[in-house]
N, C-alpha and C. Protein backbone atom coordinates (compact mmCIF):
# COMPACT_ATOMS: atom_id res chain seq x y z
N UNK A 1 -97.19 -34.78 -0.40
CA UNK A 1 -96.01 -34.39 0.35
C UNK A 1 -96.34 -34.45 1.84
N UNK A 2 -95.39 -34.86 2.63
CA UNK A 2 -95.55 -34.97 4.07
C UNK A 2 -95.85 -33.59 4.66
N UNK A 3 -96.89 -33.51 5.50
CA UNK A 3 -97.28 -32.21 6.06
C UNK A 3 -96.18 -31.63 6.96
N UNK A 4 -95.40 -32.48 7.64
CA UNK A 4 -94.30 -31.98 8.46
C UNK A 4 -93.23 -31.32 7.59
N UNK A 5 -92.98 -31.88 6.44
CA UNK A 5 -92.01 -31.30 5.52
C UNK A 5 -92.50 -29.95 5.01
N UNK A 6 -93.78 -29.85 4.69
CA UNK A 6 -94.34 -28.58 4.23
C UNK A 6 -94.21 -27.50 5.30
N UNK A 7 -94.52 -27.86 6.54
CA UNK A 7 -94.39 -26.90 7.63
C UNK A 7 -92.94 -26.46 7.80
N UNK A 8 -92.04 -27.41 7.68
CA UNK A 8 -90.62 -27.13 7.81
C UNK A 8 -90.15 -26.17 6.71
N UNK A 9 -90.56 -26.44 5.49
CA UNK A 9 -90.16 -25.60 4.37
C UNK A 9 -90.79 -24.21 4.45
N UNK A 10 -91.95 -24.11 5.08
CA UNK A 10 -92.62 -22.82 5.21
C UNK A 10 -92.07 -21.95 6.34
N UNK A 11 -91.23 -22.53 7.19
CA UNK A 11 -90.62 -21.79 8.31
C UNK A 11 -89.20 -21.39 7.89
N UNK A 12 -88.99 -20.13 7.50
CA UNK A 12 -87.69 -19.71 6.96
C UNK A 12 -86.50 -19.99 7.89
N UNK A 13 -86.65 -19.75 9.17
CA UNK A 13 -85.52 -19.97 10.09
C UNK A 13 -85.16 -21.45 10.17
N UNK A 14 -86.15 -22.30 10.32
CA UNK A 14 -85.89 -23.74 10.39
C UNK A 14 -85.31 -24.26 9.08
N UNK A 15 -85.82 -23.74 7.97
CA UNK A 15 -85.33 -24.16 6.65
C UNK A 15 -83.86 -23.80 6.49
N UNK A 16 -83.49 -22.58 6.89
CA UNK A 16 -82.10 -22.14 6.76
C UNK A 16 -81.16 -22.95 7.65
N UNK A 17 -81.59 -23.25 8.87
CA UNK A 17 -80.77 -24.08 9.76
C UNK A 17 -80.57 -25.46 9.15
N UNK A 18 -81.64 -26.03 8.61
CA UNK A 18 -81.54 -27.36 7.99
C UNK A 18 -80.60 -27.32 6.78
N UNK A 19 -80.76 -26.30 5.94
CA UNK A 19 -79.90 -26.19 4.76
C UNK A 19 -78.43 -26.08 5.17
N UNK A 20 -78.13 -25.27 6.16
CA UNK A 20 -76.75 -25.11 6.62
C UNK A 20 -76.23 -26.41 7.22
N UNK A 21 -77.04 -27.07 8.02
CA UNK A 21 -76.64 -28.34 8.62
C UNK A 21 -76.29 -29.37 7.54
N UNK A 22 -77.13 -29.46 6.52
CA UNK A 22 -76.87 -30.40 5.42
C UNK A 22 -75.60 -30.00 4.67
N UNK A 23 -75.40 -28.72 4.42
CA UNK A 23 -74.22 -28.26 3.70
C UNK A 23 -72.95 -28.53 4.50
N UNK A 24 -73.03 -28.42 5.83
CA UNK A 24 -71.86 -28.67 6.67
C UNK A 24 -71.45 -30.14 6.67
N UNK A 25 -72.34 -31.02 6.25
CA UNK A 25 -72.00 -32.44 6.19
C UNK A 25 -70.92 -32.71 5.15
N UNK A 26 -70.79 -31.83 4.17
CA UNK A 26 -69.83 -32.09 3.11
C UNK A 26 -68.88 -30.95 2.81
N UNK A 27 -68.90 -29.90 3.63
CA UNK A 27 -68.05 -28.75 3.31
C UNK A 27 -67.67 -28.01 4.58
N UNK A 28 -66.59 -27.24 4.47
CA UNK A 28 -66.17 -26.37 5.57
C UNK A 28 -67.18 -25.23 5.72
N UNK A 29 -67.12 -24.53 6.83
CA UNK A 29 -68.12 -23.52 7.15
C UNK A 29 -68.31 -22.47 6.06
N UNK A 30 -67.25 -21.89 5.55
CA UNK A 30 -67.38 -20.85 4.53
C UNK A 30 -68.09 -21.34 3.29
N UNK A 31 -67.68 -22.50 2.80
CA UNK A 31 -68.32 -23.07 1.61
C UNK A 31 -69.75 -23.50 1.92
N UNK A 32 -69.97 -24.06 3.11
CA UNK A 32 -71.30 -24.50 3.50
C UNK A 32 -72.27 -23.31 3.57
N UNK A 33 -71.79 -22.18 4.07
CA UNK A 33 -72.64 -20.99 4.12
C UNK A 33 -73.03 -20.55 2.71
N UNK A 34 -72.07 -20.58 1.79
CA UNK A 34 -72.35 -20.19 0.41
C UNK A 34 -73.36 -21.14 -0.23
N UNK A 35 -73.18 -22.43 0.00
CA UNK A 35 -74.10 -23.42 -0.56
C UNK A 35 -75.50 -23.24 0.02
N UNK A 36 -75.58 -23.05 1.34
CA UNK A 36 -76.88 -22.88 1.99
C UNK A 36 -77.57 -21.61 1.48
N UNK A 37 -76.81 -20.54 1.29
CA UNK A 37 -77.40 -19.29 0.77
C UNK A 37 -77.93 -19.49 -0.65
N UNK A 38 -77.18 -20.19 -1.47
CA UNK A 38 -77.63 -20.45 -2.84
C UNK A 38 -78.88 -21.32 -2.85
N UNK A 39 -78.91 -22.32 -1.98
CA UNK A 39 -80.08 -23.19 -1.89
C UNK A 39 -81.30 -22.40 -1.42
N UNK A 40 -81.12 -21.54 -0.44
CA UNK A 40 -82.21 -20.71 0.07
C UNK A 40 -82.72 -19.79 -1.04
N UNK A 41 -81.81 -19.19 -1.78
CA UNK A 41 -82.21 -18.31 -2.88
C UNK A 41 -82.99 -19.08 -3.93
N UNK A 42 -82.56 -20.29 -4.22
CA UNK A 42 -83.26 -21.13 -5.18
C UNK A 42 -84.67 -21.47 -4.70
N UNK A 43 -84.78 -21.88 -3.45
CA UNK A 43 -86.07 -22.30 -2.90
C UNK A 43 -87.07 -21.14 -2.81
N UNK A 44 -86.58 -19.96 -2.55
CA UNK A 44 -87.48 -18.82 -2.37
C UNK A 44 -87.72 -18.03 -3.65
N UNK A 45 -87.00 -18.40 -4.71
CA UNK A 45 -87.13 -17.67 -5.96
C UNK A 45 -86.25 -16.45 -6.02
N UNK A 46 -85.51 -16.18 -4.97
CA UNK A 46 -84.65 -15.01 -4.92
C UNK A 46 -83.52 -15.11 -5.94
N UNK A 47 -83.12 -16.32 -6.29
CA UNK A 47 -82.05 -16.49 -7.27
C UNK A 47 -82.43 -15.86 -8.60
N UNK A 48 -83.67 -15.99 -8.99
CA UNK A 48 -84.13 -15.41 -10.24
C UNK A 48 -84.09 -13.90 -10.17
N UNK A 49 -84.52 -13.34 -9.06
CA UNK A 49 -84.52 -11.89 -8.88
C UNK A 49 -83.09 -11.35 -8.94
N UNK A 50 -82.16 -12.05 -8.27
CA UNK A 50 -80.78 -11.60 -8.26
C UNK A 50 -80.17 -11.68 -9.66
N UNK A 51 -80.50 -12.73 -10.42
CA UNK A 51 -80.01 -12.84 -11.79
C UNK A 51 -80.54 -11.71 -12.65
N UNK A 52 -81.82 -11.40 -12.48
CA UNK A 52 -82.42 -10.32 -13.27
C UNK A 52 -81.77 -8.98 -12.93
N UNK A 53 -81.51 -8.74 -11.66
CA UNK A 53 -80.85 -7.49 -11.25
C UNK A 53 -79.44 -7.41 -11.82
N UNK A 54 -78.71 -8.53 -11.77
CA UNK A 54 -77.35 -8.53 -12.30
C UNK A 54 -77.36 -8.24 -13.79
N UNK A 55 -78.29 -8.82 -14.52
CA UNK A 55 -78.39 -8.56 -15.95
C UNK A 55 -78.74 -7.10 -16.21
N UNK A 56 -79.64 -6.55 -15.42
CA UNK A 56 -80.03 -5.16 -15.59
C UNK A 56 -78.84 -4.23 -15.32
N UNK A 57 -78.09 -4.51 -14.26
CA UNK A 57 -76.92 -3.69 -13.93
C UNK A 57 -75.86 -3.80 -15.02
N UNK A 58 -75.68 -5.01 -15.53
CA UNK A 58 -74.70 -5.20 -16.60
C UNK A 58 -75.12 -4.41 -17.84
N UNK A 59 -76.41 -4.46 -18.15
CA UNK A 59 -76.92 -3.74 -19.31
C UNK A 59 -76.74 -2.23 -19.13
N UNK A 60 -77.04 -1.73 -17.95
CA UNK A 60 -76.88 -0.29 -17.66
C UNK A 60 -75.40 0.08 -17.76
N UNK A 61 -74.53 -0.77 -17.23
CA UNK A 61 -73.10 -0.51 -17.28
C UNK A 61 -72.59 -0.46 -18.71
N UNK A 62 -73.09 -1.35 -19.56
CA UNK A 62 -72.68 -1.35 -20.97
C UNK A 62 -73.17 -0.09 -21.67
N UNK A 63 -74.39 0.34 -21.35
CA UNK A 63 -74.92 1.55 -21.96
C UNK A 63 -74.09 2.77 -21.56
N UNK A 64 -73.70 2.84 -20.30
CA UNK A 64 -72.91 3.96 -19.81
C UNK A 64 -71.51 3.95 -20.41
N UNK A 65 -70.92 2.77 -20.57
CA UNK A 65 -69.57 2.71 -21.12
C UNK A 65 -69.54 3.12 -22.58
N UNK A 66 -70.63 2.87 -23.31
CA UNK A 66 -70.69 3.27 -24.71
C UNK A 66 -70.98 4.79 -24.85
N UNK A 67 -71.69 5.35 -23.91
CA UNK A 67 -72.04 6.77 -24.02
C UNK A 67 -70.91 7.68 -23.54
N UNK A 68 -69.96 7.16 -22.79
CA UNK A 68 -68.87 7.95 -22.26
C UNK A 68 -67.88 8.31 -23.35
N UNK A 69 -67.74 7.44 -24.34
CA UNK A 69 -66.75 7.67 -25.41
C UNK A 69 -67.10 8.79 -26.29
């Protein structure tokens, strides 16, 4: 892999600017921001953490809804 690309990917601010710039090439600002955020989450592994948290919250919510009855 190109060392310049590695340095770029390792710099969070530069990476986010690049992701947003690329997303703006094909979408309006609101959608581009959402796409860039999803891409950043994917690249950093945060997407997995967020999915795990959502599943945990859903599970807790289901447990609470069953115990309330």
